[in-house]
Amino acid sequence: MSKDQNSSDSSFDPSKARTHLQTWFPKLDSEKIERLLEFQGEILRQNQALNLASSQSSKSIELYHIADSIHAFDVIRPHFAPNAPCYDLGTGAGLPGIVFAVLSPQDRFVLVDQDEKKIAFCQSVVGKLQLPNVSVLRADIEALPELSIQTAVCRSLGPLSRSLILARRSLSMGGK
């Protein structure tokens, strides 16, 4: 999205969102901020049809979703398994996986969800943002190959206990 392009949601102010991200994350370069704003615009454009974010959180996606994912990345990144992709289980709108991919183009990410429409949304965003480090997989988490995942994140999959039960078969020994 260009700096002046608006989404179909009239409450989205790219300038305000840009200022927020620049203030909150001064080390984030302008290219990454613009990609994150484009992602935010895509979520807002498709939100009503796909239910990507709640009506309350969609008013400030840069706060409720983007900033949240950036903070999580700073904590989680040091624990990524070397030379292995990080799986975003139950990715939904691509959060936090797409944000992680923008922040860390040298790492690989696999976005996993069973919802066909949300997977199509993620594939579209990955293409628009030109993220060659992201793969999108439509799958049931419980059907992923046994012991195939070394690093995984899940943000909106459900309570932690449920998320761990769903992923337990796929996580490798020592997986994080």
Protein backbone atom coordinates (compact mmCIF):
# COMPACT_ATOMS: atom_id res chain seq x y z
CA MET A 1 0.00 0.00 0.00
CA SER A 2 1.37 3.41 -0.83
CA LYS A 3 1.68 5.96 1.96
CA ASP A 4 -1.51 7.72 0.89
CA GLN A 5 -3.61 4.75 -0.17
CA ASN A 6 -6.54 4.04 2.13
CA SER A 7 -8.15 0.71 2.81
CA SER A 8 -11.85 0.18 2.42
CA ASP A 9 -12.12 0.70 6.20
CA SER A 10 -12.41 4.47 6.57
CA SER A 11 -11.08 4.28 10.15
CA PHE A 12 -7.64 3.11 8.95
CA ASP A 13 -5.22 6.00 8.89
CA PRO A 14 -1.91 4.77 7.44
CA SER A 15 -0.10 7.92 8.60
CA LYS A 16 -1.24 7.41 12.17
CA ALA A 17 -0.41 3.70 12.08
CA ARG A 18 3.02 4.50 10.58
CA THR A 19 3.71 7.03 13.34
CA HIS A 20 2.69 4.48 15.98
CA LEU A 21 5.03 1.82 14.60
CA GLN A 22 7.92 4.30 14.20
CA THR A 23 7.44 5.52 17.77
CA TRP A 24 7.00 2.10 19.34
CA PHE A 25 9.76 0.41 17.32
CA PRO A 26 12.41 3.02 16.41
CA LYS A 27 14.85 0.34 15.19
CA LEU A 28 12.37 -0.92 12.59
CA ASP A 29 13.39 0.31 9.13
CA SER A 30 10.95 2.11 6.86
CA GLU A 31 10.73 -0.76 4.35
CA LYS A 32 9.54 -3.17 7.04
CA ILE A 33 7.09 -0.62 8.40
CA GLU A 34 5.60 -0.11 4.92
CA ARG A 35 5.23 -3.86 4.45
CA LEU A 36 3.52 -4.17 7.84
CA LEU A 37 1.17 -1.31 6.91
CA GLU A 38 0.35 -3.04 3.64
CA PHE A 39 -0.41 -6.21 5.58
CA GLN A 40 -2.63 -4.24 7.96
CA GLY A 41 -4.49 -2.74 5.00
CA GLU A 42 -5.05 -6.21 3.52
CA ILE A 43 -6.48 -7.49 6.80
CA LEU A 44 -8.87 -4.56 6.97
CA ARG A 45 -9.94 -4.93 3.32
CA GLN A 46 -10.81 -8.60 3.79
CA ASN A 47 -11.90 -8.58 7.42
CA GLN A 48 -15.64 -8.38 6.97
CA ALA A 49 -15.74 -11.25 4.48
CA LEU A 50 -13.24 -13.50 6.27
CA ASN A 51 -13.54 -12.55 9.96
CA LEU A 52 -9.78 -12.05 10.32
CA ALA A 53 -9.91 -9.74 13.36
CA SER A 54 -12.60 -8.77 15.85
CA SER A 55 -14.41 -5.51 15.19
CA GLN A 56 -12.80 -4.02 18.33
CA SER A 57 -9.23 -5.05 17.51
CA SER A 58 -9.57 -4.10 13.84
CA LYS A 59 -9.78 -0.44 14.90
CA SER A 60 -6.13 -0.55 15.97
CA ILE A 61 -4.53 -3.52 14.23
CA GLU A 62 -1.08 -1.99 14.62
CA LEU A 63 -1.57 -2.16 18.40
CA TYR A 64 -3.55 -5.36 18.94
CA HIS A 65 -1.92 -7.50 16.28
CA ILE A 66 1.18 -6.01 14.65
CA ALA A 67 2.88 -4.63 17.80
CA ASP A 68 1.90 -7.73 19.73
CA SER A 69 3.56 -9.91 17.08
CA ILE A 70 6.70 -7.73 16.99
CA HIS A 71 7.09 -8.02 20.76
CA ALA A 72 6.56 -11.78 20.58
CA PHE A 73 9.17 -12.03 17.83
CA ASP A 74 11.78 -10.31 20.00
CA VAL A 75 11.22 -12.93 22.73
CA ILE A 76 10.78 -16.01 20.52
CA ARG A 77 13.41 -15.45 17.79
CA PRO A 78 16.42 -16.48 19.92
CA HIS A 79 14.75 -19.89 20.39
CA PHE A 80 14.26 -20.74 16.71
CA ALA A 81 15.80 -24.04 15.73
CA PRO A 82 18.74 -23.47 13.35
CA ASN A 83 18.07 -24.24 9.67
CA ALA A 84 14.46 -25.24 10.33
CA PRO A 85 11.27 -23.33 9.57
CA CYS A 86 9.11 -21.84 12.28
CA TYR A 87 5.51 -23.06 11.99
CA ASP A 88 2.63 -20.67 12.72
CA LEU A 89 -0.10 -23.09 13.76
CA GLY A 90 -3.68 -21.93 13.29
CA THR A 91 -2.35 -18.83 11.54
CA GLY A 92 -5.74 -17.37 10.62
CA ALA A 93 -4.89 -13.94 9.19
CA GLY A 94 -1.16 -14.77 9.17
CA LEU A 95 -0.47 -13.57 12.67
CA PRO A 96 2.19 -13.72 13.88
CA GLY A 97 3.85 -15.61 11.00
CA ILE A 98 3.67 -12.89 8.34
CA VAL A 99 4.94 -10.25 10.78
CA PHE A 100 7.80 -12.58 11.75
CA ALA A 101 8.63 -13.13 8.07
CA VAL A 102 8.77 -9.38 7.39
CA LEU A 103 11.04 -8.89 10.41
CA SER A 104 13.34 -11.81 9.64
CA PRO A 105 13.71 -12.49 5.90
CA GLN A 106 16.62 -14.88 6.58
CA ASP A 107 14.33 -17.29 8.47
CA ARG A 108 11.71 -19.60 6.95
CA PHE A 109 8.09 -19.75 8.07
CA VAL A 110 5.21 -22.13 7.40
CA LEU A 111 1.71 -20.79 7.98
CA VAL A 112 -0.73 -23.61 8.79
CA ASP A 113 -4.52 -23.41 8.98
CA GLN A 114 -7.39 -25.62 7.94
CA ASP A 115 -9.67 -22.76 6.84
CA GLU A 116 -9.48 -22.58 3.05
CA LYS A 117 -10.47 -18.89 2.86
CA LYS A 118 -7.90 -17.82 5.43
CA ILE A 119 -5.22 -19.85 3.66
CA ALA A 120 -6.15 -18.12 0.38
CA PHE A 121 -5.88 -14.76 2.17
CA CYS A 122 -2.42 -15.65 3.51
CA GLN A 123 -1.25 -16.83 0.08
CA SER A 124 -2.44 -13.55 -1.43
CA VAL A 125 -0.64 -11.47 1.21
CA VAL A 126 2.57 -13.50 0.90
CA GLY A 127 2.49 -12.79 -2.85
CA LYS A 128 1.72 -9.07 -2.47
CA LEU A 129 4.42 -8.59 0.15
CA GLN A 130 6.86 -10.73 -1.85
CA LEU A 131 7.82 -12.99 1.03
CA PRO A 132 9.82 -15.87 -0.46
CA ASN A 133 10.59 -17.09 3.06
CA VAL A 134 6.95 -18.09 3.70
CA SER A 135 5.08 -21.25 2.75
CA VAL A 136 1.34 -21.56 3.29
CA LEU A 137 -0.15 -24.95 4.10
CA ARG A 138 -3.81 -25.89 4.36
CA ALA A 139 -3.81 -28.70 6.89
CA ASP A 140 -5.27 -29.95 10.11
CA ILE A 141 -2.56 -29.48 12.74
CA GLU A 142 -3.11 -33.00 14.05
CA ALA A 143 -2.46 -34.39 10.55
CA LEU A 144 1.02 -32.87 10.20
CA PRO A 145 3.82 -35.46 9.97
CA GLU A 146 4.94 -36.88 13.26
CA LEU A 147 7.95 -35.16 14.87
CA SER A 148 8.24 -32.79 11.89
CA ILE A 149 8.23 -29.44 13.71
CA GLN A 150 11.18 -28.07 15.65
CA THR A 151 9.82 -24.55 16.27
CA ALA A 152 6.19 -23.50 16.41
CA VAL A 153 4.12 -20.52 17.45
CA CYS A 154 0.40 -20.15 17.82
CA ARG A 155 -1.35 -16.97 18.74
CA SER A 156 -5.09 -17.48 18.41
CA LEU A 157 -5.43 -21.22 18.23
CA GLY A 158 -7.00 -21.47 21.67
CA PRO A 159 -5.87 -22.00 25.23
CA LEU A 160 -2.26 -23.11 25.56
CA SER A 161 -3.27 -26.55 26.83
CA ARG A 162 -5.45 -27.14 23.73
CA SER A 163 -2.71 -25.87 21.41
CA LEU A 164 -0.16 -28.21 22.93
CA ILE A 165 -2.51 -31.17 22.65
CA LEU A 166 -3.18 -30.41 18.96
CA ALA A 167 0.53 -30.07 18.15
CA ARG A 168 2.04 -32.70 20.43
CA ARG A 169 2.40 -35.38 17.75
CA SER A 170 4.09 -33.04 15.27
CA LEU A 171 6.61 -31.44 17.61
CA SER A 172 10.02 -33.04 17.54
CA MET A 173 11.83 -34.04 20.69
CA GLY A 174 13.24 -30.87 22.17
CA GLY A 175 10.98 -28.81 19.90
CA LYS A 176 10.02 -25.35 21.02
